[in-house]
């Protein structure tokens, strides 16, 4: 990344999604001496999508929506929260 601007973060997230080597580097550098460090196994589409969602979502609900885990499972409480947030998307704006 050339700087810490939102544009640089978005561009890097897109590189993580499109380029397997960048995704593998992110996966190996995200934890210092933690689990998954120096993993040499490939990072397929699902792996890259997971890394992309980690770097672009602001909270768990957005991460789930990005991963498409709860969009159509209406029996899950998280799905209802996602639908409520989509309907009333201005909940985070100051009044």
PDB file of N, CA and C in Angstrom:
ATOM      1  N   UNK A   1       0.844  -1.180   0.000  1.00  0.00           N
ATOM      2  CA  UNK A   1       0.000   0.000   0.000  1.00  0.00           C
ATOM      3  C   UNK A   1       0.888   1.241   0.000  1.00  0.00           C
ATOM      4  N   UNK A   2       0.469   2.215  -0.795  1.00  0.00           N
ATOM      5  CA  UNK A   2       1.279   3.430  -0.863  1.00  0.00           C
ATOM      6  C   UNK A   2       0.990   4.385   0.288  1.00  0.00           C
ATOM      7  N   UNK A   3      -0.215   4.321   0.868  1.00  0.00           N
ATOM      8  CA  UNK A   3      -0.558   5.128   2.044  1.00  0.00           C
ATOM      9  C   UNK A   3      -1.715   4.442   2.771  1.00  0.00           C
ATOM     10  N   UNK A   4      -2.267   5.080   3.779  1.00  0.00           N
ATOM     11  CA  UNK A   4      -3.351   4.481   4.566  1.00  0.00           C
ATOM     12  C   UNK A   4      -4.715   5.084   4.232  1.00  0.00           C
ATOM     13  N   UNK A   5      -4.847   5.606   3.041  1.00  0.00           N
ATOM     14  CA  UNK A   5      -6.123   6.199   2.632  1.00  0.00           C
ATOM     15  C   UNK A   5      -7.152   5.093   2.377  1.00  0.00           C
ATOM     16  N   UNK A   6      -8.435   5.433   2.458  1.00  0.00           N
ATOM     17  CA  UNK A   6      -9.474   4.440   2.143  1.00  0.00           C
ATOM     18  C   UNK A   6      -9.312   3.850   0.743  1.00  0.00           C
ATOM     19  N   UNK A   7      -8.895   4.671  -0.220  1.00  0.00           N
ATOM     20  CA  UNK A   7      -8.695   4.181  -1.580  1.00  0.00           C
ATOM     21  C   UNK A   7      -7.599   3.114  -1.619  1.00  0.00           C
ATOM     22  N   UNK A   8      -6.502   3.340  -0.897  1.00  0.00           N
ATOM     23  CA  UNK A   8      -5.411   2.354  -0.869  1.00  0.00           C
ATOM     24  C   UNK A   8      -5.860   1.054  -0.219  1.00  0.00           C
ATOM     25  N   UNK A   9      -6.658   1.163   0.849  1.00  0.00           N
ATOM     26  CA  UNK A   9      -7.184  -0.041   1.494  1.00  0.00           C
ATOM     27  C   UNK A   9      -8.070  -0.816   0.522  1.00  0.00           C
ATOM     28  N   UNK A  10      -8.948  -0.105  -0.183  1.00  0.00           N
ATOM     29  CA  UNK A  10      -9.850  -0.771  -1.135  1.00  0.00           C
ATOM     30  C   UNK A  10      -9.057  -1.417  -2.269  1.00  0.00           C
ATOM     31  N   UNK A  11      -8.071  -0.702  -2.807  1.00  0.00           N
ATOM     32  CA  UNK A  11      -7.259  -1.267  -3.879  1.00  0.00           C
ATOM     33  C   UNK A  11      -6.515  -2.514  -3.422  1.00  0.00           C
ATOM     34  N   UNK A  12      -5.985  -2.461  -2.197  1.00  0.00           N
ATOM     35  CA  UNK A  12      -5.264  -3.635  -1.686  1.00  0.00           C
ATOM     36  C   UNK A  12      -6.219  -4.804  -1.443  1.00  0.00           C
ATOM     37  N   UNK A  13      -7.410  -4.515  -0.950  1.00  0.00           N
ATOM     38  CA  UNK A  13      -8.409  -5.569  -0.762  1.00  0.00           C
ATOM     39  C   UNK A  13      -8.766  -6.221  -2.090  1.00  0.00           C
ATOM     40  N   UNK A  14      -8.885  -5.425  -3.135  1.00  0.00           N
ATOM     41  CA  UNK A  14      -9.183  -5.982  -4.457  1.00  0.00           C
ATOM     42  C   UNK A  14      -8.019  -6.838  -4.962  1.00  0.00           C
ATOM     43  N   UNK A  15      -6.782  -6.434  -4.670  1.00  0.00           N
ATOM     44  CA  UNK A  15      -5.632  -7.254  -5.058  1.00  0.00           C
ATOM     45  C   UNK A  15      -5.653  -8.576  -4.293  1.00  0.00           C
ATOM     46  N   UNK A  16      -6.028  -8.538  -3.021  1.00  0.00           N
ATOM     47  CA  UNK A  16      -6.138  -9.771  -2.235  1.00  0.00           C
ATOM     48  C   UNK A  16      -7.158 -10.700  -2.887  1.00  0.00           C
ATOM     49  N   UNK A  17      -8.262 -10.147  -3.357  1.00  0.00           N
ATOM     50  CA  UNK A  17      -9.314 -10.951  -3.974  1.00  0.00           C
ATOM     51  C   UNK A  17      -8.878 -11.521  -5.327  1.00  0.00           C
ATOM     52  N   UNK A  18      -8.178 -10.726  -6.131  1.00  0.00           N
ATOM     53  CA  UNK A  18      -7.825 -11.148  -7.486  1.00  0.00           C
ATOM     54  C   UNK A  18      -6.539 -11.960  -7.584  1.00  0.00           C
ATOM     55  N   UNK A  19      -5.564 -11.695  -6.708  1.00  0.00           N
ATOM     56  CA  UNK A  19      -4.239 -12.285  -6.848  1.00  0.00           C
ATOM     57  C   UNK A  19      -3.939 -13.251  -5.698  1.00  0.00           C
ATOM     58  N   UNK A  20      -3.772 -14.511  -6.045  1.00  0.00           N
ATOM     59  CA  UNK A  20      -3.541 -15.543  -5.035  1.00  0.00           C
ATOM     60  C   UNK A  20      -2.286 -15.274  -4.210  1.00  0.00           C
ATOM     61  N   UNK A  21      -1.215 -14.818  -4.838  1.00  0.00           N
ATOM     62  CA  UNK A  21       0.025 -14.553  -4.092  1.00  0.00           C
ATOM     63  C   UNK A  21      -0.161 -13.449  -3.054  1.00  0.00           C
ATOM     64  N   UNK A  22      -0.916 -12.415  -3.399  1.00  0.00           N
ATOM     65  CA  UNK A  22      -1.180 -11.326  -2.454  1.00  0.00           C
ATOM     66  C   UNK A  22      -2.039 -11.842  -1.298  1.00  0.00           C
ATOM     67  N   UNK A  23      -3.031 -12.672  -1.607  1.00  0.00           N
ATOM     68  CA  UNK A  23      -3.874 -13.257  -0.553  1.00  0.00           C
ATOM     69  C   UNK A  23      -3.060 -14.144   0.375  1.00  0.00           C
ATOM     70  N   UNK A  24      -2.153 -14.929  -0.183  1.00  0.00           N
ATOM     71  CA  UNK A  24      -1.309 -15.794   0.647  1.00  0.00           C
ATOM     72  C   UNK A  24      -0.387 -14.956   1.533  1.00  0.00           C
ATOM     73  N   UNK A  25       0.131 -13.858   0.989  1.00  0.00           N
ATOM     74  CA  UNK A  25       0.988 -12.982   1.789  1.00  0.00           C
ATOM     75  C   UNK A  25       0.189 -12.355   2.928  1.00  0.00           C
ATOM     76  N   UNK A  26      -1.030 -11.881   2.622  1.00  0.00           N
ATOM     77  CA  UNK A  26      -1.883 -11.315   3.669  1.00  0.00           C
ATOM     78  C   UNK A  26      -2.179 -12.363   4.742  1.00  0.00           C
ATOM     79  N   UNK A  27      -2.534 -13.571   4.313  1.00  0.00           N
ATOM     80  CA  UNK A  27      -2.850 -14.643   5.260  1.00  0.00           C
ATOM     81  C   UNK A  27      -1.662 -14.922   6.179  1.00  0.00           C
ATOM     82  N   UNK A  28      -0.458 -14.913   5.631  1.00  0.00           N
ATOM     83  CA  UNK A  28       0.723 -15.218   6.426  1.00  0.00           C
ATOM     84  C   UNK A  28       1.195 -14.044   7.278  1.00  0.00           C
ATOM     85  N   UNK A  29       0.787 -12.823   6.956  1.00  0.00           N
ATOM     86  CA  UNK A  29       1.252 -11.652   7.701  1.00  0.00           C
ATOM     87  C   UNK A  29       0.218 -11.069   8.663  1.00  0.00           C
ATOM     88  N   UNK A  30      -0.995 -11.592   8.657  1.00  0.00           N
ATOM     89  CA  UNK A  30      -2.026 -10.953   9.481  1.00  0.00           C
ATOM     90  C   UNK A  30      -1.882 -11.233  10.967  1.00  0.00           C
ATOM     91  N   UNK A  31      -1.228 -12.309  11.353  1.00  0.00           N
ATOM     92  CA  UNK A  31      -0.979 -12.604  12.761  1.00  0.00           C
ATOM     93  C   UNK A  31       0.515 -12.769  12.985  1.00  0.00           C
ATOM     94  N   UNK A  32       1.049 -12.078  13.952  1.00  0.00           N
ATOM     95  CA  UNK A  32       2.462 -12.221  14.291  1.00  0.00           C
ATOM     96  C   UNK A  32       2.637 -13.474  15.132  1.00  0.00           C
ATOM     97  N   UNK A  33       3.309 -14.473  14.569  1.00  0.00           N
ATOM     98  CA  UNK A  33       3.558 -15.747  15.255  1.00  0.00           C
ATOM     99  C   UNK A  33       2.261 -16.428  15.692  1.00  0.00           C
ATOM    100  N   UNK A  34       1.183 -16.190  14.981  1.00  0.00           N
ATOM    101  CA  UNK A  34      -0.097 -16.779  15.337  1.00  0.00           C
ATOM    102  C   UNK A  34      -0.434 -17.972  14.464  1.00  0.00           C
ATOM    103  N   UNK A  35      -1.664 -18.466  14.582  1.00  0.00           N
ATOM    104  CA  UNK A  35      -2.074 -19.615  13.773  1.00  0.00           C
ATOM    105  C   UNK A  35      -2.114 -19.246  12.292  1.00  0.00           C
ATOM    106  N   UNK A  36      -1.695 -20.164  11.479  1.00  0.00           N
ATOM    107  CA  UNK A  36      -1.751 -19.951  10.045  1.00  0.00           C
ATOM    108  C   UNK A  36      -0.565 -19.213   9.470  1.00  0.00           C
ATOM    109  N   UNK A  37       0.477 -18.985  10.269  1.00  0.00           N
ATOM    110  CA  UNK A  37       1.650 -18.281   9.776  1.00  0.00           C
ATOM    111  C   UNK A  37       2.492 -19.235   8.923  1.00  0.00           C
ATOM    112  N   UNK A  38       2.988 -18.721   7.805  1.00  0.00           N
ATOM    113  CA  UNK A  38       3.821 -19.478   6.866  1.00  0.00           C
ATOM    114  C   UNK A  38       3.094 -20.684   6.268  1.00  0.00           C
ATOM    115  N   UNK A  39       1.832 -20.492   5.957  1.00  0.00           N
ATOM    116  CA  UNK A  39       1.062 -21.528   5.287  1.00  0.00           C
ATOM    117  C   UNK A  39       1.410 -21.475   3.804  1.00  0.00           C
ATOM    118  N   UNK A  40       1.761 -22.619   3.251  1.00  0.00           N
ATOM    119  CA  UNK A  40       2.149 -22.654   1.841  1.00  0.00           C
ATOM    120  C   UNK A  40       1.053 -23.214   0.942  1.00  0.00           C
ATOM    121  N   UNK A  41      -0.050 -23.653   1.519  1.00  0.00           N
ATOM    122  CA  UNK A  41      -1.120 -24.219   0.696  1.00  0.00           C
ATOM    123  C   UNK A  41      -1.775 -23.110  -0.132  1.00  0.00           C
ATOM    124  N   UNK A  42      -2.330 -23.464  -1.265  1.00  0.00           N
ATOM    125  CA  UNK A  42      -2.947 -22.472  -2.158  1.00  0.00           C
ATOM    126  C   UNK A  42      -4.109 -21.744  -1.481  1.00  0.00           C
ATOM    127  N   UNK A  43      -4.426 -20.586  -2.007  1.00  0.00           N
ATOM    128  CA  UNK A  43      -5.552 -19.796  -1.515  1.00  0.00           C
ATOM    129  C   UNK A  43      -6.541 -19.675  -2.676  1.00  0.00           C
ATOM    130  N   UNK A  44      -7.558 -20.547  -2.675  1.00  0.00           N
ATOM    131  CA  UNK A  44      -8.527 -20.597  -3.767  1.00  0.00           C
ATOM    132  C   UNK A  44      -9.530 -19.445  -3.668  1.00  0.00           C
ATOM    133  N   UNK A  45     -10.557 -19.494  -4.485  1.00  0.00           N
ATOM    134  CA  UNK A  45     -11.564 -18.431  -4.528  1.00  0.00           C
ATOM    135  C   UNK A  45     -12.180 -18.178  -3.150  1.00  0.00           C
ATOM    136  N   UNK A  46     -12.603 -19.241  -2.454  1.00  0.00           N
ATOM    137  CA  UNK A  46     -13.232 -19.071  -1.141  1.00  0.00           C
ATOM    138  C   UNK A  46     -12.270 -18.452  -0.137  1.00  0.00           C
ATOM    139  N   UNK A  47     -11.027 -18.868  -0.169  1.00  0.00           N
ATOM    140  CA  UNK A  47     -10.000 -18.304   0.712  1.00  0.00           C
ATOM    141  C   UNK A  47      -9.821 -16.814   0.419  1.00  0.00           C
ATOM    142  N   UNK A  48      -9.706 -16.458  -0.850  1.00  0.00           N
ATOM    143  CA  UNK A  48      -9.520 -15.050  -1.220  1.00  0.00           C
ATOM    144  C   UNK A  48     -10.751 -14.218  -0.878  1.00  0.00           C
ATOM    145  N   UNK A  49     -11.939 -14.789  -1.066  1.00  0.00           N
ATOM    146  CA  UNK A  49     -13.166 -14.078  -0.721  1.00  0.00           C
ATOM    147  C   UNK A  49     -13.219 -13.817   0.779  1.00  0.00           C
ATOM    148  N   UNK A  50     -12.810 -14.798   1.571  1.00  0.00           N
ATOM    149  CA  UNK A  50     -12.788 -14.627   3.020  1.00  0.00           C
ATOM    150  C   UNK A  50     -11.840 -13.497   3.422  1.00  0.00           C
ATOM    151  N   UNK A  51     -10.660 -13.458   2.826  1.00  0.00           N
ATOM    152  CA  UNK A  51      -9.686 -12.405   3.121  1.00  0.00           C
ATOM    153  C   UNK A  51     -10.205 -11.044   2.663  1.00  0.00           C
ATOM    154  N   UNK A  52     -10.850 -11.005   1.500  1.00  0.00           N
ATOM    155  CA  UNK A  52     -11.429  -9.763   0.994  1.00  0.00           C
ATOM    156  C   UNK A  52     -12.484  -9.239   1.963  1.00  0.00           C
ATOM    157  N   UNK A  53     -13.354 -10.119   2.419  1.00  0.00           N
ATOM    158  CA  UNK A  53     -14.409  -9.701   3.346  1.00  0.00           C
ATOM    159  C   UNK A  53     -13.825  -9.241   4.676  1.00  0.00           C
ATOM    160  N   UNK A  54     -12.768  -9.893   5.128  1.00  0.00           N
ATOM    161  CA  UNK A  54     -12.115  -9.464   6.369  1.00  0.00           C
ATOM    162  C   UNK A  54     -11.579  -8.042   6.257  1.00  0.00           C
ATOM    163  N   UNK A  55     -11.078  -7.691   5.101  1.00  0.00           N
ATOM    164  CA  UNK A  55     -10.448  -6.383   4.953  1.00  0.00           C
ATOM    165  C   UNK A  55     -11.406  -5.282   4.534  1.00  0.00           C
ATOM    166  N   UNK A  56     -12.632  -5.614   4.167  1.00  0.00           N
ATOM    167  CA  UNK A  56     -13.582  -4.585   3.730  1.00  0.00           C
ATOM    168  C   UNK A  56     -14.778  -4.410   4.658  1.00  0.00           C
ATOM    169  N   UNK A  57     -15.074  -5.382   5.491  1.00  0.00           N
ATOM    170  CA  UNK A  57     -16.251  -5.289   6.373  1.00  0.00           C
ATOM    171  C   UNK A  57     -15.906  -4.518   7.647  1.00  0.00           C
ATOM    172  N   UNK A  58     -16.844  -3.710   8.091  1.00  0.00           N
ATOM    173  CA  UNK A  58     -16.649  -2.933   9.319  1.00  0.00           C
ATOM    174  C   UNK A  58     -17.093  -3.673  10.564  1.00  0.00           C
ATOM    175  N   UNK A  59     -17.997  -4.616  10.422  1.00  0.00           N
ATOM    176  CA  UNK A  59     -18.476  -5.369  11.578  1.00  0.00           C
ATOM    177  C   UNK A  59     -18.886  -6.777  11.136  1.00  0.00           C
ATOM    178  N   UNK A  60     -19.293  -7.582  12.100  1.00  0.00           N
ATOM    179  CA  UNK A  60     -19.616  -8.982  11.821  1.00  0.00           C
ATOM    180  C   UNK A  60     -20.772  -9.114  10.839  1.00  0.00           C
ATOM    181  N   UNK A  61     -21.760  -8.256  10.965  1.00  0.00           N
ATOM    182  CA  UNK A  61     -22.917  -8.332  10.080  1.00  0.00           C
ATOM    183  C   UNK A  61     -22.509  -8.066   8.632  1.00  0.00           C
ATOM    184  N   UNK A  62     -21.676  -7.069   8.420  1.00  0.00           N
ATOM    185  CA  UNK A  62     -21.193  -6.795   7.067  1.00  0.00           C
ATOM    186  C   UNK A  62     -20.337  -7.944   6.546  1.00  0.00           C
ATOM    187  N   UNK A  63     -19.521  -8.529   7.411  1.00  0.00           N
ATOM    188  CA  UNK A  63     -18.697  -9.662   7.000  1.00  0.00           C
ATOM    189  C   UNK A  63     -19.576 -10.830   6.558  1.00  0.00           C
ATOM    190  N   UNK A  64     -20.628 -11.118   7.338  1.00  0.00           N
ATOM    191  CA  UNK A  64     -21.549 -12.193   6.960  1.00  0.00           C
ATOM    192  C   UNK A  64     -22.213 -11.888   5.624  1.00  0.00           C
ATOM    193  N   UNK A  65     -22.651 -10.654   5.449  1.00  0.00           N
ATOM    194  CA  UNK A  65     -23.320 -10.281   4.207  1.00  0.00           C
ATOM    195  C   UNK A  65     -22.354 -10.394   3.029  1.00  0.00           C
ATOM    196  N   UNK A  66     -21.114  -9.980   3.242  1.00  0.00           N
ATOM    197  CA  UNK A  66     -20.093 -10.101   2.197  1.00  0.00           C
ATOM    198  C   UNK A  66     -19.867 -11.562   1.822  1.00  0.00           C
ATOM    199  N   UNK A  67     -19.819 -12.429   2.813  1.00  0.00           N
ATOM    200  CA  UNK A  67     -19.589 -13.852   2.583  1.00  0.00           C
ATOM    201  C   UNK A  67     -20.836 -14.550   2.058  1.00  0.00           C
ATOM    202  N   UNK A  68     -21.988 -13.856   2.038  1.00  0.00           N
ATOM    203  CA  UNK A  68     -23.243 -14.408   1.541  1.00  0.00           C
ATOM    204  C   UNK A  68     -23.727 -15.557   2.411  1.00  0.00           C
ATOM    205  N   UNK A  69     -23.333 -15.543   3.684  1.00  0.00           N
ATOM    206  CA  UNK A  69     -23.707 -16.639   4.575  1.00  0.00           C
ATOM    207  C   UNK A  69     -25.149 -16.549   5.060  1.00  0.00           C
ATOM    208  N   UNK A  70     -25.705 -15.349   5.125  1.00  0.00           N
ATOM    209  CA  UNK A  70     -27.017 -15.250   5.752  1.00  0.00           C
ATOM    210  C   UNK A  70     -28.065 -14.565   4.883  1.00  0.00           C
ATOM    211  N   UNK A  71     -27.807 -14.360   3.620  1.00  0.00           N
ATOM    212  CA  UNK A  71     -28.746 -13.584   2.817  1.00  0.00           C
ATOM    213  C   UNK A  71     -30.100 -14.252   2.668  1.00  0.00           C
ATOM    214  N   UNK A  72     -30.142 -15.576   2.576  1.00  0.00           N
ATOM    215  CA  UNK A  72     -31.410 -16.247   2.322  1.00  0.00           C
ATOM    216  C   UNK A  72     -31.839 -17.195   3.434  1.00  0.00           C
ATOM    217  N   UNK A  73     -31.097 -17.245   4.535  1.00  0.00           N
ATOM    218  CA  UNK A  73     -31.468 -18.092   5.661  1.00  0.00           C
ATOM    219  C   UNK A  73     -32.291 -17.268   6.641  1.00  0.00           C
ATOM    220  N   UNK A  74     -33.591 -17.210   6.405  1.00  0.00           N
ATOM    221  CA  UNK A  74     -34.458 -16.358   7.216  1.00  0.00           C
ATOM    222  C   UNK A  74     -34.749 -16.934   8.601  1.00  0.00           C
ATOM    223  N   UNK A  75     -34.300 -18.151   8.870  1.00  0.00           N
ATOM    224  CA  UNK A  75     -34.522 -18.746  10.182  1.00  0.00           C
ATOM    225  C   UNK A  75     -33.413 -18.379  11.153  1.00  0.00           C
ATOM    226  N   UNK A  76     -32.413 -17.679  10.681  1.00  0.00           N
ATOM    227  CA  UNK A  76     -31.283 -17.275  11.502  1.00  0.00           C
ATOM    228  C   UNK A  76     -31.488 -15.830  11.942  1.00  0.00           C
ATOM    229  N   UNK A  77     -31.210 -15.529  13.205  1.00  0.00           N
ATOM    230  CA  UNK A  77     -31.362 -14.170  13.711  1.00  0.00           C
ATOM    231  C   UNK A  77     -30.476 -13.176  12.990  1.00  0.00           C
ATOM    232  N   UNK A  78     -29.283 -13.610  12.552  1.00  0.00           N
ATOM    233  CA  UNK A  78     -28.371 -12.709  11.843  1.00  0.00           C
ATOM    234  C   UNK A  78     -28.970 -12.265  10.513  1.00  0.00           C
ATOM    235  N   UNK A  79     -29.733 -13.137   9.871  1.00  0.00           N
ATOM    236  CA  UNK A  79     -30.356 -12.772   8.596  1.00  0.00           C
ATOM    237  C   UNK A  79     -31.375 -11.667   8.808  1.00  0.00           C
ATOM    238  N   UNK A  80     -32.149 -11.781   9.881  1.00  0.00           N
ATOM    239  CA  UNK A  80     -33.138 -10.741  10.167  1.00  0.00           C
ATOM    240  C   UNK A  80     -32.463  -9.413  10.464  1.00  0.00           C
ATOM    241  N   UNK A  81     -31.342  -9.452  11.194  1.00  0.00           N
ATOM    242  CA  UNK A  81     -30.594  -8.229  11.466  1.00  0.00           C
ATOM    243  C   UNK A  81     -30.088  -7.607  10.168  1.00  0.00           C
ATOM    244  N   UNK A  82     -29.608  -8.426   9.248  1.00  0.00           N
ATOM    245  CA  UNK A  82     -29.139  -7.917   7.957  1.00  0.00           C
ATOM    246  C   UNK A  82     -30.278  -7.254   7.192  1.00  0.00           C
ATOM    247  N   UNK A  83     -31.450  -7.867   7.188  1.00  0.00           N
ATOM    248  CA  UNK A  83     -32.596  -7.302   6.484  1.00  0.00           C
ATOM    249  C   UNK A  83     -33.016  -5.983   7.120  1.00  0.00           C
ATOM    250  N   UNK A  84     -33.028  -5.948   8.457  1.00  0.00           N
ATOM    251  CA  UNK A  84     -33.381  -4.711   9.155  1.00  0.00           C
ATOM    252  C   UNK A  84     -32.382  -3.605   8.826  1.00  0.00           C
ATOM    253  N   UNK A  85     -31.096  -3.934   8.789  1.00  0.00           N
ATOM    254  CA  UNK A  85     -30.085  -2.934   8.468  1.00  0.00           C
ATOM    255  C   UNK A  85     -30.209  -2.451   7.039  1.00  0.00           C
ATOM    256  N   UNK A  86     -30.604  -3.321   6.109  1.00  0.00           N
ATOM    257  CA  UNK A  86     -30.798  -2.900   4.724  1.00  0.00           C
ATOM    258  C   UNK A  86     -31.997  -1.968   4.594  1.00  0.00           C
ATOM    259  N   UNK A  87     -33.061  -2.238   5.348  1.00  0.00           N
ATOM    260  CA  UNK A  87     -34.260  -1.412   5.281  1.00  0.00           C
ATOM    261  C   UNK A  87     -34.000  -0.049   5.904  1.00  0.00           C
ATOM    262  N   UNK A  88     -33.395  -0.049   7.086  1.00  0.00           N
ATOM    263  CA  UNK A  88     -33.117   1.194   7.800  1.00  0.00           C
ATOM    264  C   UNK A  88     -31.610   1.410   7.845  1.00  0.00           C
ATOM    265  N   UNK A  89     -31.028   1.701   6.697  1.00  0.00           N
ATOM    266  CA  UNK A  89     -29.582   1.806   6.581  1.00  0.00           C
ATOM    267  C   UNK A  89     -29.017   3.069   7.224  1.00  0.00           C
ATOM    268  N   UNK A  90     -29.871   3.987   7.645  1.00  0.00           N
ATOM    269  CA  UNK A  90     -29.410   5.257   8.226  1.00  0.00           C
ATOM    270  C   UNK A  90     -29.237   5.182   9.738  1.00  0.00           C
ATOM    271  N   UNK A  91     -29.245   3.978  10.310  1.00  0.00           N
ATOM    272  CA  UNK A  91     -29.158   3.831  11.770  1.00  0.00           C
ATOM    273  C   UNK A  91     -27.858   4.390  12.330  1.00  0.00           C
ATOM    274  N   UNK A  92     -26.817   4.502  11.533  1.00  0.00           N
ATOM    275  CA  UNK A  92     -25.540   4.962  12.051  1.00  0.00           C
ATOM    276  C   UNK A  92     -25.325   6.455  11.877  1.00  0.00           C
ATOM    277  N   UNK A  93     -26.242   7.147  11.229  1.00  0.00           N
ATOM    278  CA  UNK A  93     -26.096   8.578  11.027  1.00  0.00           C
ATOM    279  C   UNK A  93     -26.486   9.348  12.288  1.00  0.00           C
ATOM    280  N   UNK A  94     -25.684  10.345  12.662  1.00  0.00           N
ATOM    281  CA  UNK A  94     -26.057  11.159  13.820  1.00  0.00           C
ATOM    282  C   UNK A  94     -27.316  11.974  13.527  1.00  0.00           C
ATOM    283  N   UNK A  95     -28.099  12.189  14.551  1.00  0.00           N
ATOM    284  CA  UNK A  95     -29.357  12.938  14.378  1.00  0.00           C
ATOM    285  C   UNK A  95     -29.204  14.336  14.875  1.00  0.00           C
TER     286      UNK A  95
END
